[in-house]
Amino acid sequence: MLWLPRQFQLPLKNQISAPLLAALLVCLPVFLQAPLVRHQPALASIFTLLLLAIGILKRGTWGNLLVGFSGSWLAGCVFWGWLRLHPLWHLPVEAFALPIAVAGLWGPWRQAGQFYLGALLGTACTDAAMALCGVMPLWPQVLEAEPAAAQQLLAEAAALVLQPSHLLVVATFAVGMLCFSRWLWLKGQGCRVVAACLATTLLVDGIFLFLALLSPQFSGLV
């Protein structure tokens, strides 16, 4: 990166490959997993086996990241498929593979553990911000409501987020995530997958929050 001394800079291919792949995988559930889980949660869960098999067989950067991604994918399928009306279960379900991910940091699957931990940290920050803004109680109501009622509930959630104290909470989390991501990036290649996951989560959250505030029907949940 430009802010690093030349002697510490890595070839461009090595700098961006793993972080870029991690960022793409963080975005994937938004566009692929969400609609699949909504209609076929069992099929989406079984798809985890394919992701895991490809990751184990392929190895390398792609393989490692797919193994880590398969853990996040399965957790998302289980929660959004069967437990979505219970927001307090979201983070515990997402963290089901935490011991495995931590253990993997000292083995050949290090990048898998890094991806899983980065994605989990992003999820924890998002859930914490929602809880502090008072949005969490509206979560099951939005998911159970008819479309017209859901839009009204989303408008209420947007109004909650726009309160000055809640905007301060959101801004604090955003700045904190951004600063921590940059600090991780500067720590070296081993931390850049985590940094990419966290920064990408912040970007996706920011886009959805902006769209929800602009027009609530753009978002399934603020």
Protein backbone atom coordinates (compact mmCIF):
# COMPACT_ATOMS: atom_id res chain seq x y z
CA MET A 1 0.00 0.00 0.00
CA LEU A 2 1.10 3.59 -0.61
CA TRP A 3 1.47 4.45 3.09
CA LEU A 4 3.92 1.58 3.72
CA PRO A 5 7.68 1.98 3.25
CA ARG A 6 8.90 0.41 0.03
CA GLN A 7 10.83 -2.34 1.83
CA PHE A 8 7.61 -3.56 3.47
CA GLN A 9 5.48 -3.46 0.33
CA LEU A 10 4.52 -6.78 -1.25
CA PRO A 11 3.92 -7.44 -4.94
CA LEU A 12 0.49 -6.12 -5.96
CA LYS A 13 -0.84 -9.63 -6.70
CA ASN A 14 -0.02 -10.80 -3.17
CA GLN A 15 -1.43 -7.65 -1.60
CA ILE A 16 -4.91 -7.76 -3.07
CA SER A 17 -5.63 -11.41 -3.90
CA ALA A 18 -6.77 -12.81 -0.55
CA PRO A 19 -8.39 -9.57 0.75
CA LEU A 20 -10.23 -9.03 -2.52
CA LEU A 21 -11.56 -12.59 -2.55
CA ALA A 22 -12.61 -12.21 1.08
CA ALA A 23 -14.48 -9.00 0.27
CA LEU A 24 -16.30 -10.68 -2.61
CA LEU A 25 -17.32 -13.60 -0.40
CA VAL A 26 -18.69 -11.24 2.25
CA CYS A 27 -20.94 -9.70 -0.40
CA LEU A 28 -22.09 -13.03 -1.85
CA PRO A 29 -24.73 -13.91 0.79
CA VAL A 30 -26.51 -10.60 0.16
CA PHE A 31 -27.17 -11.47 -3.47
CA LEU A 32 -27.21 -15.28 -3.53
CA GLN A 33 -27.83 -16.75 -0.09
CA ALA A 34 -30.67 -14.46 1.02
CA PRO A 35 -33.13 -15.34 -1.77
CA LEU A 36 -32.14 -19.02 -1.73
CA VAL A 37 -32.62 -19.39 2.03
CA ARG A 38 -35.93 -17.60 1.87
CA HIS A 39 -37.39 -20.24 -0.46
CA GLN A 40 -35.20 -23.33 0.07
CA PRO A 41 -33.40 -23.25 3.45
CA ALA A 42 -32.67 -26.99 3.44
CA LEU A 43 -31.18 -26.85 -0.06
CA ALA A 44 -29.11 -23.80 0.88
CA SER A 45 -27.80 -25.64 3.95
CA ILE A 46 -26.85 -28.73 1.92
CA PHE A 47 -24.97 -26.45 -0.47
CA THR A 48 -22.50 -25.95 2.41
CA LEU A 49 -21.13 -29.43 1.71
CA LEU A 50 -20.26 -28.45 -1.85
CA LEU A 51 -18.52 -25.26 -0.71
CA LEU A 52 -16.56 -27.19 1.92
CA ALA A 53 -15.58 -29.96 -0.51
CA ILE A 54 -14.35 -27.50 -3.13
CA GLY A 55 -12.38 -25.61 -0.51
CA ILE A 56 -10.70 -28.73 0.87
CA LEU A 57 -9.81 -30.05 -2.56
CA LYS A 58 -8.62 -26.77 -4.01
CA ARG A 59 -6.51 -25.57 -1.07
CA GLY A 60 -4.48 -22.41 -1.61
CA THR A 61 -6.06 -18.98 -1.06
CA TRP A 62 -9.33 -19.83 -2.78
CA GLY A 63 -9.66 -23.12 -0.95
CA ASN A 64 -8.89 -21.65 2.45
CA LEU A 65 -11.36 -18.82 2.05
CA LEU A 66 -14.08 -21.17 0.81
CA VAL A 67 -13.64 -23.35 3.89
CA GLY A 68 -14.03 -20.31 6.14
CA PHE A 69 -16.93 -19.04 4.05
CA SER A 70 -18.71 -22.40 4.31
CA GLY A 71 -18.94 -21.93 8.09
CA SER A 72 -20.50 -18.48 7.70
CA TRP A 73 -22.78 -19.79 4.95
CA LEU A 74 -24.11 -22.66 7.07
CA ALA A 75 -24.71 -20.39 10.06
CA GLY A 76 -26.63 -17.96 7.86
CA CYS A 77 -28.74 -20.77 6.42
CA VAL A 78 -29.64 -22.15 9.84
CA PHE A 79 -30.52 -18.79 11.33
CA TRP A 80 -32.40 -17.21 8.41
CA GLY A 81 -34.02 -20.49 7.48
CA TRP A 82 -35.41 -21.50 10.88
CA LEU A 83 -34.52 -19.00 13.62
CA ARG A 84 -34.95 -15.63 11.90
CA LEU A 85 -37.73 -14.54 14.28
CA HIS A 86 -35.36 -14.79 17.23
CA PRO A 87 -32.73 -12.05 16.80
CA LEU A 88 -30.96 -12.88 20.06
CA TRP A 89 -29.96 -16.20 18.50
CA HIS A 90 -28.32 -14.52 15.52
CA LEU A 91 -24.83 -14.00 16.91
CA PRO A 92 -24.65 -17.33 18.83
CA VAL A 93 -25.63 -19.22 15.69
CA GLU A 94 -23.13 -17.29 13.58
CA ALA A 95 -20.43 -18.11 16.13
CA PHE A 96 -21.02 -21.89 16.17
CA ALA A 97 -17.64 -22.63 14.52
CA LEU A 98 -15.65 -20.10 16.58
CA PRO A 99 -13.46 -22.70 18.40
CA ILE A 100 -12.59 -24.39 15.10
CA ALA A 101 -11.75 -21.05 13.46
CA VAL A 102 -9.48 -20.00 16.34
CA ALA A 103 -7.72 -23.38 16.32
CA GLY A 104 -7.23 -23.08 12.56
CA LEU A 105 -5.19 -19.89 12.95
CA TRP A 106 -2.17 -22.02 13.89
CA GLY A 107 -2.44 -24.52 11.06
CA PRO A 108 -2.66 -24.82 7.27
CA TRP A 109 -6.22 -23.42 7.32
CA ARG A 110 -5.18 -20.09 8.78
CA GLN A 111 -6.91 -17.99 6.13
CA ALA A 112 -10.12 -19.96 6.65
CA GLY A 113 -10.08 -19.01 10.32
CA GLN A 114 -9.24 -15.41 9.49
CA PHE A 115 -12.17 -15.11 7.11
CA TYR A 116 -14.63 -16.65 9.56
CA LEU A 117 -13.43 -14.41 12.41
CA GLY A 118 -13.57 -11.30 10.24
CA ALA A 119 -17.09 -12.04 9.07
CA LEU A 120 -18.18 -12.85 12.63
CA LEU A 121 -16.69 -9.62 13.97
CA GLY A 122 -18.57 -7.64 11.33
CA THR A 123 -21.81 -9.40 12.27
CA ALA A 124 -21.23 -8.67 15.96
CA CYS A 125 -20.69 -4.96 15.26
CA THR A 126 -23.84 -4.78 13.14
CA ASP A 127 -25.99 -6.53 15.73
CA ALA A 128 -24.59 -4.41 18.56
CA ALA A 129 -25.33 -1.19 16.69
CA MET A 130 -28.88 -2.35 15.95
CA ALA A 131 -29.46 -3.25 19.59
CA LEU A 132 -28.15 0.08 20.88
CA CYS A 133 -30.32 1.96 18.38
CA GLY A 134 -33.45 0.14 19.55
CA VAL A 135 -34.05 -1.51 16.18
CA MET A 136 -33.69 -5.11 17.36
CA PRO A 137 -37.27 -5.48 18.77
CA LEU A 138 -38.67 -4.57 15.33
CA TRP A 139 -36.74 -7.40 13.67
CA PRO A 140 -39.31 -10.21 14.15
CA GLN A 141 -42.21 -7.82 13.60
CA VAL A 142 -40.89 -6.83 10.17
CA LEU A 143 -40.34 -10.43 9.14
CA GLU A 144 -43.84 -11.51 10.21
CA ALA A 145 -45.76 -8.52 8.86
CA GLU A 146 -47.54 -8.17 5.53
CA PRO A 147 -45.69 -6.04 2.95
CA ALA A 148 -47.59 -2.82 3.71
CA ALA A 149 -47.20 -3.22 7.46
CA ALA A 150 -43.55 -4.20 7.06
CA GLN A 151 -42.84 -0.95 5.21
CA GLN A 152 -44.43 1.01 8.04
CA LEU A 153 -42.30 -0.83 10.58
CA LEU A 154 -39.21 -0.15 8.51
CA ALA A 155 -40.12 3.53 8.44
CA GLU A 156 -40.30 3.43 12.25
CA ALA A 157 -36.90 1.77 12.37
CA ALA A 158 -35.48 4.45 10.07
CA ALA A 159 -36.89 7.14 12.37
CA LEU A 160 -35.19 5.46 15.33
CA VAL A 161 -31.83 5.44 13.56
CA LEU A 162 -32.22 9.12 12.67
CA GLN A 163 -32.42 10.18 16.30
CA PRO A 164 -29.26 12.17 17.16
CA SER A 165 -28.09 9.76 19.88
CA HIS A 166 -28.58 6.77 17.58
CA LEU A 167 -26.82 8.50 14.69
CA LEU A 168 -23.91 9.01 17.07
CA VAL A 169 -23.93 5.28 17.87
CA VAL A 170 -23.91 4.38 14.16
CA ALA A 171 -21.13 6.88 13.43
CA THR A 172 -19.05 5.60 16.35
CA PHE A 173 -19.33 2.00 15.16
CA ALA A 174 -18.53 3.02 11.57
CA VAL A 175 -15.43 4.99 12.54
CA GLY A 176 -14.32 2.28 14.94
CA MET A 177 -14.70 -0.48 12.32
CA LEU A 178 -12.88 1.61 9.72
CA CYS A 179 -9.98 2.46 12.03
CA PHE A 180 -9.66 -1.12 13.25
CA SER A 181 -9.69 -2.39 9.65
CA ARG A 182 -6.88 -0.02 8.72
CA TRP A 183 -4.90 -1.02 11.82
CA LEU A 184 -5.28 -4.69 10.90
CA TRP A 185 -4.23 -3.98 7.32
CA LEU A 186 -1.05 -2.32 8.51
CA LYS A 187 -0.25 -5.32 10.73
CA GLY A 188 0.67 -7.31 7.64
CA GLN A 189 -0.55 -9.90 5.19
CA GLY A 190 -1.88 -12.24 7.89
CA CYS A 191 -4.43 -9.71 9.14
CA ARG A 192 -5.61 -8.36 5.80
CA VAL A 193 -8.31 -10.97 5.27
CA VAL A 194 -9.90 -9.95 8.59
CA ALA A 195 -9.55 -6.28 7.65
CA ALA A 196 -11.19 -6.86 4.27
CA CYS A 197 -14.13 -8.73 5.84
CA LEU A 198 -14.71 -6.01 8.41
CA ALA A 199 -14.43 -3.14 5.93
CA THR A 200 -16.71 -4.86 3.44
CA THR A 201 -19.31 -5.51 6.14
CA LEU A 202 -19.22 -1.80 6.95
CA LEU A 203 -19.68 -0.93 3.28
CA VAL A 204 -22.64 -3.29 2.82
CA ASP A 205 -24.26 -2.08 6.05
CA GLY A 206 -23.77 1.52 4.95
CA ILE A 207 -25.41 0.91 1.58
CA PHE A 208 -28.41 -0.84 3.12
CA LEU A 209 -28.78 1.81 5.82
CA PHE A 210 -28.66 4.59 3.23
CA LEU A 211 -31.26 2.87 1.06
CA ALA A 212 -33.48 2.14 4.05
CA LEU A 213 -33.37 5.76 5.17
CA LEU A 214 -33.98 6.95 1.62
CA SER A 215 -36.91 4.59 1.06
CA PRO A 216 -37.73 1.82 3.58
CA GLN A 217 -39.01 -0.62 0.96
CA PHE A 218 -35.48 -0.94 -0.40
CA SER A 219 -34.42 -2.87 2.68
CA GLY A 220 -35.75 -6.00 4.31
CA LEU A 221 -34.49 -4.82 7.68
CA VAL A 222 -32.72 -1.63 8.68
